Amino acid sequence: MTDKYQGASVQTLVDFGHAWNSHDIDALMSFMADQCEFHAVAGPDLMGRSFVGREAVREGFQLAWQTFPDAAWLDGEHFVSGDRGVSETTFKGTKVDGSRVEARMVDIFTFRDGKIAVKNAYRKDRPAVSAR
């Protein structure tokens, strides 16, 4: 019998964060389960905008970098308990129009067989700073 929590660790979340900051979509997707979901911080639905399935999740992740070309997730603090994990970071990014966002956020993860099955993102609703 395999341990469904095997591989789900704080180091997994640290490395996942490095892939985000490197804007490396292939590395990022290597952490995701075959059947995965991403619930973005914004969108029309209760869960924000949801991306379900590997290709949709890949597109959703890339959308973050398209919206904020210099996106960075800094000052990470992480924990894992069983099949759940949390990363708390400071998100910083500049939109194409020059407006900047800097706010604390959390990602809540559900793991399956050592991979991330669900990434559910939440960010403080802090107004963007206008371009100067």
Protein backbone atom coordinates (compact mmCIF):
# COMPACT_ATOMS: atom_id res chain seq x y z
CA MET A 1 0.00 0.00 0.00
CA THR A 2 1.40 3.41 -0.93
CA ASP A 3 1.31 6.36 1.42
CA LYS A 4 -0.87 8.99 -0.25
CA TYR A 5 1.02 11.71 1.66
CA GLN A 6 4.44 10.57 0.43
CA GLY A 7 6.31 13.53 -1.05
CA ALA A 8 3.95 16.17 0.32
CA SER A 9 6.38 18.31 2.33
CA VAL A 10 7.37 21.84 3.18
CA GLN A 11 10.26 21.42 0.73
CA THR A 12 7.71 20.65 -2.01
CA LEU A 13 6.05 24.02 -1.35
CA VAL A 14 9.40 25.85 -1.19
CA ASP A 15 10.42 24.34 -4.54
CA PHE A 16 6.98 25.09 -6.02
CA GLY A 17 7.47 28.73 -4.99
CA HIS A 18 10.87 28.83 -6.69
CA ALA A 19 9.25 27.57 -9.91
CA TRP A 20 6.68 30.38 -9.67
CA ASN A 21 9.40 33.00 -9.19
CA SER A 22 11.43 31.55 -12.07
CA HIS A 23 8.34 31.74 -14.30
CA ASP A 24 9.11 28.14 -15.28
CA ILE A 25 5.82 26.59 -16.39
CA ASP A 26 7.28 23.12 -17.00
CA ALA A 27 8.85 22.99 -13.53
CA LEU A 28 5.63 24.31 -12.02
CA MET A 29 3.49 21.69 -13.74
CA SER A 30 5.84 18.91 -12.56
CA PHE A 31 4.43 19.47 -9.05
CA MET A 32 0.80 19.10 -10.19
CA ALA A 33 -1.23 15.88 -10.13
CA ASP A 34 -2.61 14.54 -13.40
CA GLN A 35 -6.09 15.57 -12.30
CA CYS A 36 -5.60 19.02 -10.79
CA GLU A 37 -7.41 22.27 -10.10
CA PHE A 38 -6.37 25.89 -9.62
CA HIS A 39 -8.72 28.44 -8.07
CA ALA A 40 -7.37 31.93 -8.81
CA VAL A 41 -7.61 34.94 -6.48
CA ALA A 42 -10.09 36.73 -8.75
CA GLY A 43 -12.97 35.76 -10.94
CA PRO A 44 -16.73 35.69 -11.28
CA ASP A 45 -17.46 32.63 -9.14
CA LEU A 46 -17.48 31.81 -5.44
CA MET A 47 -14.02 30.21 -5.82
CA GLY A 48 -12.68 33.02 -8.06
CA ARG A 49 -11.87 31.69 -11.51
CA SER A 50 -11.38 27.94 -11.59
CA PHE A 51 -9.10 26.04 -13.93
CA VAL A 52 -9.72 22.28 -13.97
CA GLY A 53 -7.45 19.76 -15.69
CA ARG A 54 -3.72 19.97 -16.50
CA GLU A 55 -4.04 22.08 -19.65
CA ALA A 56 -6.47 24.53 -18.04
CA VAL A 57 -4.28 24.81 -14.92
CA ARG A 58 -1.23 25.42 -17.11
CA GLU A 59 -3.10 28.23 -18.90
CA GLY A 60 -4.27 29.68 -15.58
CA PHE A 61 -0.74 29.73 -14.19
CA GLN A 62 0.59 31.41 -17.33
CA LEU A 63 -2.19 34.00 -17.11
CA ALA A 64 -0.69 35.20 -13.81
CA TRP A 65 2.59 36.01 -15.58
CA GLN A 66 0.77 37.61 -18.52
CA THR A 67 -1.15 39.87 -16.12
CA PHE A 68 1.94 40.61 -13.99
CA PRO A 69 5.09 40.07 -16.13
CA ASP A 70 7.36 40.65 -13.12
CA ALA A 71 5.25 38.63 -10.64
CA ALA A 72 7.07 37.44 -7.52
CA TRP A 73 5.98 35.58 -4.42
CA LEU A 74 8.31 36.53 -1.56
CA ASP A 75 8.90 35.89 2.15
CA GLY A 76 7.35 32.43 2.02
CA GLU A 77 6.21 30.58 5.11
CA HIS A 78 4.90 27.05 4.58
CA PHE A 79 3.43 24.13 6.45
CA VAL A 80 2.06 20.71 5.58
CA SER A 81 -0.25 18.53 7.64
CA GLY A 82 -1.31 15.23 6.12
CA ASP A 83 -2.78 15.85 2.67
CA ARG A 84 -3.10 19.63 3.15
CA GLY A 85 -0.59 22.46 3.00
CA VAL A 86 -0.42 26.25 3.18
CA SER A 87 2.00 28.80 1.74
CA GLU A 88 1.84 32.39 2.97
CA THR A 89 3.75 34.89 0.82
CA THR A 90 3.94 38.53 -0.21
CA PHE A 91 2.80 38.90 -3.80
CA LYS A 92 4.42 41.71 -5.80
CA GLY A 93 3.68 42.46 -9.40
CA THR A 94 3.35 45.22 -11.98
CA LYS A 95 0.63 45.15 -14.59
CA VAL A 96 1.27 46.16 -18.19
CA ASP A 97 -0.38 49.55 -17.46
CA GLY A 98 2.26 50.21 -14.78
CA SER A 99 0.01 49.79 -11.74
CA ARG A 100 1.60 47.79 -8.94
CA VAL A 101 0.22 45.30 -6.45
CA GLU A 102 1.86 44.28 -3.19
CA ALA A 103 -0.19 42.22 -0.75
CA ARG A 104 0.04 39.22 1.55
CA MET A 105 -1.59 36.08 0.28
CA VAL A 106 -2.06 32.40 1.03
CA ASP A 107 -2.33 29.32 -1.12
CA ILE A 108 -4.13 26.34 0.35
CA PHE A 109 -3.10 23.03 -1.17
CA THR A 110 -4.58 19.56 -1.29
CA PHE A 111 -2.08 16.79 -2.09
CA ARG A 112 -2.73 13.47 -3.77
CA ASP A 113 0.04 10.87 -4.08
CA GLY A 114 2.70 13.48 -3.30
CA LYS A 115 1.52 15.91 -5.99
CA ILE A 116 -0.58 19.06 -5.76
CA ALA A 117 -4.16 18.21 -6.68
CA VAL A 118 -5.69 21.58 -5.72
CA LYS A 119 -4.15 25.05 -5.42
CA ASN A 120 -6.63 27.52 -3.96
CA ALA A 121 -5.27 31.11 -3.87
CA TYR A 122 -6.39 34.00 -1.64
CA ARG A 123 -4.92 37.52 -1.60
CA LYS A 124 -5.61 40.61 0.52
CA ASP A 125 -7.82 43.04 -1.39
CA ARG A 126 -5.33 45.89 -1.37
CA PRO A 127 -5.77 48.51 -4.10
CA ALA A 128 -3.14 48.71 -6.81
CA VAL A 129 -0.71 51.63 -6.67
CA SER A 130 -1.07 53.75 -9.82
CA ALA A 131 1.74 54.07 -12.30
CA ARG A 132 3.80 57.17 -11.70
